[in-house]
C-alpha atoms as a PDB file:
ATOM      1  CA  MET A   1      -0.108  -0.494   0.482  1.00  0.00           C
ATOM      2  CA  LYS A   2       1.203   3.486  -0.911  1.00  0.00           C
ATOM      3  CA  VAL A   3       1.012   6.668   1.485  1.00  0.00           C
ATOM      4  CA  ALA A   4       1.436  10.004   1.270  1.00  0.00           C
ATOM      5  CA  ILE A   5       2.341  11.885   4.512  1.00  0.00           C
ATOM      6  CA  LEU A   6       0.788  16.223   4.438  1.00  0.00           C
ATOM      7  CA  SER A   7       1.052  17.087   7.973  1.00  0.00           C
ATOM      8  CA  SER A   8       2.439  18.989  10.454  1.00  0.00           C
ATOM      9  CA  ALA A   9       4.222  17.073  12.012  1.00  0.00           C
ATOM     10  CA  PRO A  10       5.192  14.771   9.281  1.00  0.00           C
ATOM     11  CA  GLU A  11       7.981  12.554  11.385  1.00  0.00           C
ATOM     12  CA  VAL A  12       5.226  11.085  14.128  1.00  0.00           C
ATOM     13  CA  HIS A  13       3.526   9.519  11.627  1.00  0.00           C
ATOM     14  CA  ALA A  14       6.646   8.716   9.561  1.00  0.00           C
ATOM     15  CA  GLY A  15       8.107   7.366  12.850  1.00  0.00           C
ATOM     16  CA  ALA A  16       4.335   4.972  12.895  1.00  0.00           C
ATOM     17  CA  LEU A  17       4.176   4.007   9.534  1.00  0.00           C
ATOM     18  CA  ARG A  18       8.245   2.326  10.469  1.00  0.00           C
ATOM     19  CA  GLY A  19       7.745  -1.218   9.910  1.00  0.00           C
ATOM     20  CA  LEU A  20       4.235  -2.331   9.096  1.00  0.00           C
ATOM     21  CA  PRO A  21       4.700  -4.608   6.673  1.00  0.00           C
ATOM     22  CA  ASP A  22       3.193  -4.168   2.423  1.00  0.00           C
ATOM     23  CA  VAL A  23       3.326  -0.146   3.599  1.00  0.00           C
ATOM     24  CA  GLU A  24       5.755   2.620   1.330  1.00  0.00           C
ATOM     25  CA  VAL A  25       5.036   6.207   1.896  1.00  0.00           C
ATOM     26  CA  VAL A  26       5.972   7.895  -1.063  1.00  0.00           C
ATOM     27  CA  ALA A  27       6.031  11.619  -0.576  1.00  0.00           C
ATOM     28  CA  VAL A  28       6.729  13.213   2.487  1.00  0.00           C
ATOM     29  CA  ALA A  29       6.211  16.874   3.555  1.00  0.00           C
ATOM     30  CA  GLY A  30       4.886  19.450   5.633  1.00  0.00           C
ATOM     31  CA  TRP A  31       1.069  21.068   5.524  1.00  0.00           C
ATOM     32  CA  ASP A  32      -1.223  22.443   7.562  1.00  0.00           C
ATOM     33  CA  ALA A  33      -5.013  22.744   5.406  1.00  0.00           C
ATOM     34  CA  PHE A  34      -7.406  21.296   4.240  1.00  0.00           C
ATOM     35  CA  GLU A  35      -6.953  22.036  -0.004  1.00  0.00           C
ATOM     36  CA  PRO A  36      -4.908  18.623  -0.208  1.00  0.00           C
ATOM     37  CA  VAL A  37      -7.042  16.615   2.005  1.00  0.00           C
ATOM     38  CA  ARG A  38      -9.863  17.346  -0.574  1.00  0.00           C
ATOM     39  CA  ARG A  39      -8.246  16.535  -3.748  1.00  0.00           C
ATOM     40  CA  ALA A  40      -6.478  13.370  -1.988  1.00  0.00           C
ATOM     41  CA  ALA A  41     -10.067  12.504  -1.053  1.00  0.00           C
ATOM     42  CA  GLU A  42     -11.319  13.623  -4.619  1.00  0.00           C
ATOM     43  CA  ALA A  43      -9.537  11.089  -6.306  1.00  0.00           C
ATOM     44  CA  GLY A  44     -10.460   8.884  -4.118  1.00  0.00           C
ATOM     45  CA  ALA A  45      -8.048   7.841  -1.548  1.00  0.00           C
ATOM     46  CA  ARG A  46      -8.417   6.390   2.216  1.00  0.00           C
ATOM     47  CA  VAL A  47      -7.723  10.220   4.041  1.00  0.00           C
ATOM     48  CA  LEU A  48      -6.506  10.048   7.495  1.00  0.00           C
ATOM     49  CA  CYS A  49      -7.004  13.900   8.418  1.00  0.00           C
ATOM     50  CA  GLU A  50      -5.394  15.729  11.461  1.00  0.00           C
ATOM     51  CA  TYR A  51      -7.578  18.871  13.167  1.00  0.00           C
ATOM     52  CA  PRO A  52      -6.313  22.009  11.377  1.00  0.00           C
ATOM     53  CA  ALA A  53      -5.276  25.137  12.986  1.00  0.00           C
ATOM     54  CA  ALA A  54      -8.087  27.000  11.526  1.00  0.00           C
ATOM     55  CA  ALA A  55     -11.163  25.944   8.491  1.00  0.00           C
ATOM     56  CA  LYS A  56     -14.503  26.900   8.710  1.00  0.00           C
ATOM     57  CA  GLU A  57     -17.275  24.435   8.619  1.00  0.00           C
ATOM     58  CA  THR A  58     -17.878  25.096   4.572  1.00  0.00           C
ATOM     59  CA  ASP A  59     -14.001  23.671   3.869  1.00  0.00           C
ATOM     60  CA  LEU A  60     -14.422  20.607   6.112  1.00  0.00           C
ATOM     61  CA  LYS A  61     -18.429  20.163   5.196  1.00  0.00           C
ATOM     62  CA  ALA A  62     -16.375  19.954   1.473  1.00  0.00           C
ATOM     63  CA  VAL A  63     -14.615  17.055   2.342  1.00  0.00           C
ATOM     64  CA  ILE A  64     -16.639  15.186   3.962  1.00  0.00           C
ATOM     65  CA  ASP A  65     -18.581  15.363   0.848  1.00  0.00           C
ATOM     66  CA  ALA A  66     -15.847  14.825  -0.813  1.00  0.00           C
ATOM     67  CA  SER A  67     -14.385  11.715   1.275  1.00  0.00           C
ATOM     68  CA  GLY A  68     -17.530   9.694   1.960  1.00  0.00           C
ATOM     69  CA  ASP A  69     -16.985   6.710   4.841  1.00  0.00           C
ATOM     70  CA  ARG A  70     -13.148   7.079   3.080  1.00  0.00           C
ATOM     71  CA  LEU A  71     -12.049   9.886   6.021  1.00  0.00           C
ATOM     72  CA  THR A  72     -10.909   9.223   9.356  1.00  0.00           C
ATOM     73  CA  VAL A  73      -9.873  12.380  12.438  1.00  0.00           C
ATOM     74  CA  ALA A  74      -5.835  11.644  13.888  1.00  0.00           C
ATOM     75  CA  SER A  75      -6.746  11.648  16.995  1.00  0.00           C
ATOM     76  CA  PRO A  76      -4.610   9.322  18.735  1.00  0.00           C
ATOM     77  CA  ALA A  77      -6.000   7.977  22.208  1.00  0.00           C
ATOM     78  CA  CYS A  78      -9.182   6.366  19.984  1.00  0.00           C
ATOM     79  CA  HIS A  79      -7.190   3.157  19.237  1.00  0.00           C
ATOM     80  CA  GLY A  80      -5.581   0.335  21.288  1.00  0.00           C
ATOM     81  CA  GLU A  81      -6.991  -2.117  23.877  1.00  0.00           C
ATOM     82  CA  ALA A  82      -7.463   0.177  26.988  1.00  0.00           C
ATOM     83  CA  PHE A  83      -9.997   2.275  25.293  1.00  0.00           C
ATOM     84  CA  ALA A  84     -11.670  -0.152  23.700  1.00  0.00           C
ATOM     85  CA  VAL A  85     -12.215  -1.983  27.239  1.00  0.00           C
ATOM     86  CA  VAL A  86     -13.294   1.128  29.171  1.00  0.00           C
ATOM     87  CA  ARG A  87     -16.224   1.349  26.144  1.00  0.00           C
ATOM     88  CA  LYS A  88     -17.177  -2.291  26.279  1.00  0.00           C
ATOM     89  CA  GLY A  89     -17.103  -1.357  30.655  1.00  0.00           C
ATOM     90  CA  ILE A  90     -18.767   1.358  29.953  1.00  0.00           C
ATOM     91  CA  ALA A  91     -21.887  -0.212  27.171  1.00  0.00           C
ATOM     92  CA  ASP A  92     -22.118  -3.249  29.316  1.00  0.00           C
ATOM     93  CA  GLY A  93     -23.145  -1.007  32.528  1.00  0.00           C
ATOM     94  CA  GLY A  94     -20.410  -1.144  34.469  1.00  0.00           C
ATOM     95  CA  ILE A  95     -20.523   2.054  36.078  1.00  0.00           C
ATOM     96  CA  GLY A  96     -23.854   2.170  35.743  1.00  0.00           C
ATOM     97  CA  GLU A  97     -25.759   5.185  33.697  1.00  0.00           C
ATOM     98  CA  LEU A  98     -23.029   7.908  32.989  1.00  0.00           C
ATOM     99  CA  THR A  99     -24.129  10.352  34.310  1.00  0.00           C
ATOM    100  CA  THR A 100     -20.375  13.077  33.475  1.00  0.00           C
ATOM    101  CA  VAL A 101     -17.404  13.145  31.567  1.00  0.00           C
ATOM    102  CA  LEU A 102     -14.339  15.073  33.364  1.00  0.00           C
ATOM    103  CA  GLY A 103     -10.627  15.140  31.086  1.00  0.00           C
ATOM    104  CA  SER A 104      -7.768  16.927  31.401  1.00  0.00           C
ATOM    105  CA  VAL A 105      -5.308  18.291  28.583  1.00  0.00           C
ATOM    106  CA  ALA A 106      -2.231  19.770  28.294  1.00  0.00           C
ATOM    107  CA  THR A 107      -0.462  20.432  24.422  1.00  0.00           C
ATOM    108  CA  ARG A 108       2.628  22.354  23.984  1.00  0.00           C
ATOM    109  CA  ALA A 109       0.838  24.667  21.792  1.00  0.00           C
ATOM    110  CA  ASP A 110      -1.177  28.339  22.742  1.00  0.00           C
ATOM    111  CA  GLY A 111      -5.067  28.160  21.433  1.00  0.00           C
ATOM    112  CA  VAL A 112      -5.353  25.337  23.215  1.00  0.00           C
ATOM    113  CA  LEU A 113      -9.353  25.168  22.855  1.00  0.00           C
ATOM    114  CA  GLY A 114      -8.351  23.983  19.270  1.00  0.00           C
ATOM    115  CA  ALA A 115      -4.778  22.473  19.976  1.00  0.00           C
ATOM    116  CA  ALA A 116      -5.834  20.588  22.858  1.00  0.00           C
ATOM    117  CA  ALA A 117      -9.951  20.223  23.373  1.00  0.00           C
ATOM    118  CA  PRO A 118     -10.793  18.058  20.203  1.00  0.00           C
ATOM    119  CA  TYR A 119      -8.824  15.523  21.456  1.00  0.00           C
ATOM    120  CA  LEU A 120     -11.005  15.302  24.451  1.00  0.00           C
ATOM    121  CA  LEU A 121     -13.895  15.574  22.502  1.00  0.00           C
ATOM    122  CA  ASP A 122     -13.493  12.628  20.627  1.00  0.00           C
ATOM    123  CA  LEU A 123     -13.832  10.140  23.273  1.00  0.00           C
ATOM    124  CA  ALA A 124     -16.343  11.439  25.172  1.00  0.00           C
ATOM    125  CA  ASP A 125     -18.400  11.566  21.309  1.00  0.00           C
ATOM    126  CA  ALA A 126     -16.989   8.040  21.044  1.00  0.00           C
ATOM    127  CA  VAL A 127     -18.391   7.127  24.456  1.00  0.00           C
ATOM    128  CA  LEU A 128     -22.034   8.992  24.444  1.00  0.00           C
ATOM    129  CA  GLY A 129     -22.191   7.035  20.303  1.00  0.00           C
ATOM    130  CA  GLY A 130     -22.017  10.329  18.508  1.00  0.00           C
ATOM    131  CA  GLU A 131     -24.815  12.384  20.614  1.00  0.00           C
ATOM    132  CA  PRO A 132     -25.198  16.005  19.784  1.00  0.00           C
ATOM    133  CA  ALA A 133     -24.432  18.318  22.161  1.00  0.00           C
ATOM    134  CA  ARG A 134     -26.830  21.151  23.620  1.00  0.00           C
ATOM    135  CA  GLN A 135     -25.289  23.738  25.410  1.00  0.00           C
ATOM    136  CA  VAL A 136     -21.555  24.835  25.886  1.00  0.00           C
ATOM    137  CA  TYR A 137     -19.581  27.294  27.377  1.00  0.00           C
ATOM    138  CA  ALA A 138     -15.763  28.101  28.197  1.00  0.00           C
ATOM    139  CA  GLN A 139     -13.515  30.050  29.353  1.00  0.00           C
ATOM    140  CA  THR A 140     -10.087  30.839  29.181  1.00  0.00           C
ATOM    141  CA  ASN A 141      -6.964  33.083  29.567  1.00  0.00           C
ATOM    142  CA  ILE A 142      -3.641  33.882  28.112  1.00  0.00           C
ATOM    143  CA  VAL A 143      -1.562  34.395  31.349  1.00  0.00           C
ATOM    144  CA  LEU A 144       0.659  31.562  30.791  1.00  0.00           C
ATOM    145  CA  SER A 145       2.041  32.441  27.274  1.00  0.00           C
ATOM    146  CA  GLY A 146       0.856  36.083  26.754  1.00  0.00           C
ATOM    147  CA  ARG A 147      -0.159  35.874  23.573  1.00  0.00           C
ATOM    148  CA  SER A 148      -3.074  36.303  21.800  1.00  0.00           C
ATOM    149  CA  GLY A 149      -3.516  32.529  21.440  1.00  0.00           C
ATOM    150  CA  GLU A 150      -5.318  30.836  24.287  1.00  0.00           C
ATOM    151  CA  SER A 151      -3.085  29.129  27.319  1.00  0.00           C
ATOM    152  CA  ALA A 152      -5.892  27.365  29.495  1.00  0.00           C
ATOM    153  CA  ALA A 153      -9.506  26.804  28.409  1.00  0.00           C
ATOM    154  CA  VAL A 154     -12.136  25.361  31.308  1.00  0.00           C
ATOM    155  CA  LEU A 155     -14.902  23.737  28.118  1.00  0.00           C
ATOM    156  CA  THR A 156     -17.752  22.391  29.560  1.00  0.00           C
ATOM    157  CA  VAL A 157     -20.420  19.970  27.049  1.00  0.00           C
ATOM    158  CA  ARG A 158     -23.723  19.753  27.601  1.00  0.00           C
ATOM    159  CA  TYR A 159     -26.100  17.121  25.350  1.00  0.00           C
ATOM    160  CA  ARG A 160     -29.579  16.434  24.407  1.00  0.00           C
ATOM    161  CA  SER A 161     -29.484  14.031  26.815  1.00  0.00           C
ATOM    162  CA  GLY A 162     -28.952  16.196  29.736  1.00  0.00           C
ATOM    163  CA  LYS A 163     -24.654  14.277  31.176  1.00  0.00           C
ATOM    164  CA  VAL A 164     -22.137  16.832  31.104  1.00  0.00           C
ATOM    165  CA  ALA A 165     -18.257  17.168  29.882  1.00  0.00           C
ATOM    166  CA  SER A 166     -16.419  19.392  31.901  1.00  0.00           C
ATOM    167  CA  PHE A 167     -12.699  19.772  29.908  1.00  0.00           C
ATOM    168  CA  ASP A 168      -9.374  21.088  31.760  1.00  0.00           C
ATOM    169  CA  CYS A 169      -6.947  22.089  28.472  1.00  0.00           C
ATOM    170  CA  ARG A 170      -3.547  23.884  29.611  1.00  0.00           C
ATOM    171  CA  ARG A 171       0.056  24.822  27.307  1.00  0.00           C
ATOM    172  CA  ASN A 172       2.811  23.251  28.919  1.00  0.00           C
ATOM    173  CA  GLY A 173       5.832  22.816  27.136  1.00  0.00           C
ATOM    174  CA  SER A 174       6.634  19.720  28.129  1.00  0.00           C
ATOM    175  CA  ALA A 175       3.670  17.563  27.807  1.00  0.00           C
ATOM    176  CA  THR A 176       2.179  15.072  25.625  1.00  0.00           C
ATOM    177  CA  GLY A 177      -0.573  15.805  24.545  1.00  0.00           C
ATOM    178  CA  LEU A 178      -2.426  13.051  25.265  1.00  0.00           C
ATOM    179  CA  PRO A 179      -5.918  13.343  27.594  1.00  0.00           C
ATOM    180  CA  ALA A 180      -7.105  11.650  30.245  1.00  0.00           C
ATOM    181  CA  VAL A 181     -10.574  10.702  30.738  1.00  0.00           C
ATOM    182  CA  THR A 182     -12.873  10.173  33.861  1.00  0.00           C
ATOM    183  CA  PHE A 183     -16.104   8.678  33.734  1.00  0.00           C
ATOM    184  CA  VAL A 184     -18.274   8.822  36.027  1.00  0.00           C
ATOM    185  CA  GLY A 185     -22.135   6.553  36.212  1.00  0.00           C
ATOM    186  CA  ASP A 186     -24.163   6.171  39.152  1.00  0.00           C
ATOM    187  CA  LYS A 187     -22.339   2.649  39.834  1.00  0.00           C
ATOM    188  CA  GLY A 188     -18.929   4.160  39.544  1.00  0.00           C
ATOM    189  CA  SER A 189     -17.006   5.010  37.905  1.00  0.00           C
ATOM    190  CA  VAL A 190     -13.341   4.572  34.856  1.00  0.00           C
ATOM    191  CA  GLN A 191     -10.991   6.580  33.916  1.00  0.00           C
ATOM    192  CA  TYR A 192      -9.172   6.280  30.697  1.00  0.00           C
ATOM    193  CA  ASP A 193      -5.265   7.835  30.258  1.00  0.00           C
ATOM    194  CA  ALA A 194      -3.839   7.636  26.516  1.00  0.00           C
ATOM    195  CA  GLY A 195      -0.494   9.015  28.479  1.00  0.00           C
ATOM    196  CA  PRO A 196       0.410   7.132  31.373  1.00  0.00           C
ATOM    197  CA  GLN A 197       3.320   8.181  33.357  1.00  0.00           C
ATOM    198  CA  LEU A 198       6.457   5.258  34.581  1.00  0.00           C
ATOM    199  CA  LEU A 199       7.508   6.260  38.166  1.00  0.00           C
ATOM    200  CA  GLY A 200      11.885   5.094  38.414  1.00  0.00           C
ATOM    201  CA  GLY A 201      14.204   6.521  36.819  1.00  0.00           C
ATOM    202  CA  GLU A 202      15.506  10.302  36.779  1.00  0.00           C
ATOM    203  CA  ARG A 203      12.546  11.045  35.542  1.00  0.00           C
ATOM    204  CA  PRO A 204       9.307   9.894  34.574  1.00  0.00           C
ATOM    205  CA  GLU A 205       8.932   8.634  31.571  1.00  0.00           C
ATOM    206  CA  LEU A 206       5.718   7.533  29.770  1.00  0.00           C
ATOM    207  CA  GLY A 207       3.977   4.727  29.614  1.00  0.00           C
ATOM    208  CA  GLY A 208       0.832   2.870  27.961  1.00  0.00           C
ATOM    209  CA  GLU A 209       1.014   1.713  23.805  1.00  0.00           C
ATOM    210  CA  ASP A 210       2.371   3.751  21.228  1.00  0.00           C
ATOM    211  CA  LEU A 211      -0.545   5.879  20.148  1.00  0.00           C
ATOM    212  CA  HIS A 212       0.410   6.520  16.744  1.00  0.00           C
ATOM    213  CA  ALA A 213       1.252   3.446  15.594  1.00  0.00           C
ATOM    214  CA  LEU A 214      -1.593   1.691  16.182  1.00  0.00           C
ATOM    215  CA  MET A 215      -3.938   4.178  14.508  1.00  0.00           C
ATOM    216  CA  ALA A 216      -1.905   3.457  11.473  1.00  0.00           C
ATOM    217  CA  ARG A 217      -2.604   0.176  12.084  1.00  0.00           C
ATOM    218  CA  ASP A 218      -5.952   0.738  12.260  1.00  0.00           C
ATOM    219  CA  PHE A 219      -6.034   3.107   9.108  1.00  0.00           C
ATOM    220  CA  LEU A 220      -4.811   0.759   7.038  1.00  0.00           C
ATOM    221  CA  GLY A 221      -6.525  -1.638   8.093  1.00  0.00           C
ATOM    222  CA  GLY A 222      -9.675  -0.153   7.265  1.00  0.00           C
ATOM    223  CA  GLU A 223     -11.504  -0.792  10.652  1.00  0.00           C
ATOM    224  CA  GLY A 224     -12.534   2.420  10.716  1.00  0.00           C
ATOM    225  CA  ALA A 225     -11.615   3.300  15.244  1.00  0.00           C
ATOM    226  CA  GLY A 226     -11.276   6.869  14.435  1.00  0.00           C
ATOM    227  CA  PRO A 227     -13.724   9.196  15.281  1.00  0.00           C
ATOM    228  CA  ASP A 228     -15.325  10.346  10.991  1.00  0.00           C
ATOM    229  CA  GLY A 229     -16.393  13.386   9.679  1.00  0.00           C
ATOM    230  CA  GLN A 230     -19.722  13.539  10.811  1.00  0.00           C
ATOM    231  CA  ALA A 231     -17.925  12.863  14.707  1.00  0.00           C
ATOM    232  CA  ALA A 232     -14.856  15.579  13.356  1.00  0.00           C
ATOM    233  CA  LEU A 233     -17.920  18.501  12.612  1.00  0.00           C
ATOM    234  CA  ARG A 234     -19.636  17.496  15.851  1.00  0.00           C
ATOM    235  CA  THR A 235     -16.759  18.295  17.556  1.00  0.00           C
ATOM    236  CA  PHE A 236     -15.450  21.978  14.923  1.00  0.00           C
ATOM    237  CA  ARG A 237     -19.441  23.306  16.359  1.00  0.00           C
ATOM    238  CA  ILE A 238     -18.499  22.828  19.389  1.00  0.00           C
ATOM    239  CA  ILE A 239     -15.378  24.300  18.648  1.00  0.00           C
ATOM    240  CA  GLN A 240     -16.743  27.154  17.449  1.00  0.00           C
ATOM    241  CA  ALA A 241     -18.926  27.491  20.087  1.00  0.00           C
ATOM    242  CA  ALA A 242     -16.518  27.695  22.700  1.00  0.00           C
ATOM    243  CA  TYR A 243     -14.999  30.470  20.941  1.00  0.00           C
ATOM    244  CA  GLU A 244     -17.704  32.775  21.148  1.00  0.00           C
ATOM    245  CA  SER A 245     -18.860  31.242  23.984  1.00  0.00           C
ATOM    246  CA  ALA A 246     -15.114  33.023  25.751  1.00  0.00           C
ATOM    247  CA  HIS A 247     -15.616  35.671  24.189  1.00  0.00           C
ATOM    248  CA  THR A 248     -19.571  36.870  25.092  1.00  0.00           C
ATOM    249  CA  GLY A 249     -18.955  35.184  28.525  1.00  0.00           C
ATOM    250  CA  GLN A 250     -22.466  32.915  28.001  1.00  0.00           C
ATOM    251  CA  PRO A 251     -23.886  30.080  26.690  1.00  0.00           C
ATOM    252  CA  VAL A 252     -23.533  28.972  23.548  1.00  0.00           C
ATOM    253  CA  ASP A 253     -26.937  26.600  22.978  1.00  0.00           C
ATOM    254  CA  LEU A 254     -26.205  24.248  19.480  1.00  0.00           C
END
């Protein structure tokens, strides 16, 4: 299988593909826009697309329309055995009726709502089965960065069933960008940490699965384990509403 990488961080994906059987990387280039994604989709290719730094909803819809069911959004924490076990346990009623989702993630980038929150929202979306949001509220600040992009944010999402998700996003120069989420039910709770820290040595080491490699494996195998275009659209709308809420100081209904 021939694979072309057009990415803002191509070395990450190239490393994940290294060693996979029957995979030939034919191009590697830095890119952070939807136009090449749309062209690839129109050509009939299956596409694994990162969340862009900025985009319009019309751009995202154009990609979704062109790709159909061939689009997967790059959200590494949605892949792997650990999250699969958590999802099954919740679906089987292990924590009773799910009521609340609590999550946190740190990123090295400013603009944490757009750079970090989508990966928390993707996890909630997967467990909630694509349930649409009803209301979004967000607060942000630039204290840690001193720049125009927000360095910290708190995002609260109310879903149509009454379930609530609350997420804490912040900038940290040594962050892994991998989220941790706790799913709370009326009988118990379960936590999923996509980037657990191992103890020992002079400094903690990152444990857990190689999620980028698993994401690449799932995508190339056609398993569709990651968010699809419609999931990306739900997440995009929540993020846009969050920016509006942070600007006005008021909740935004969807």
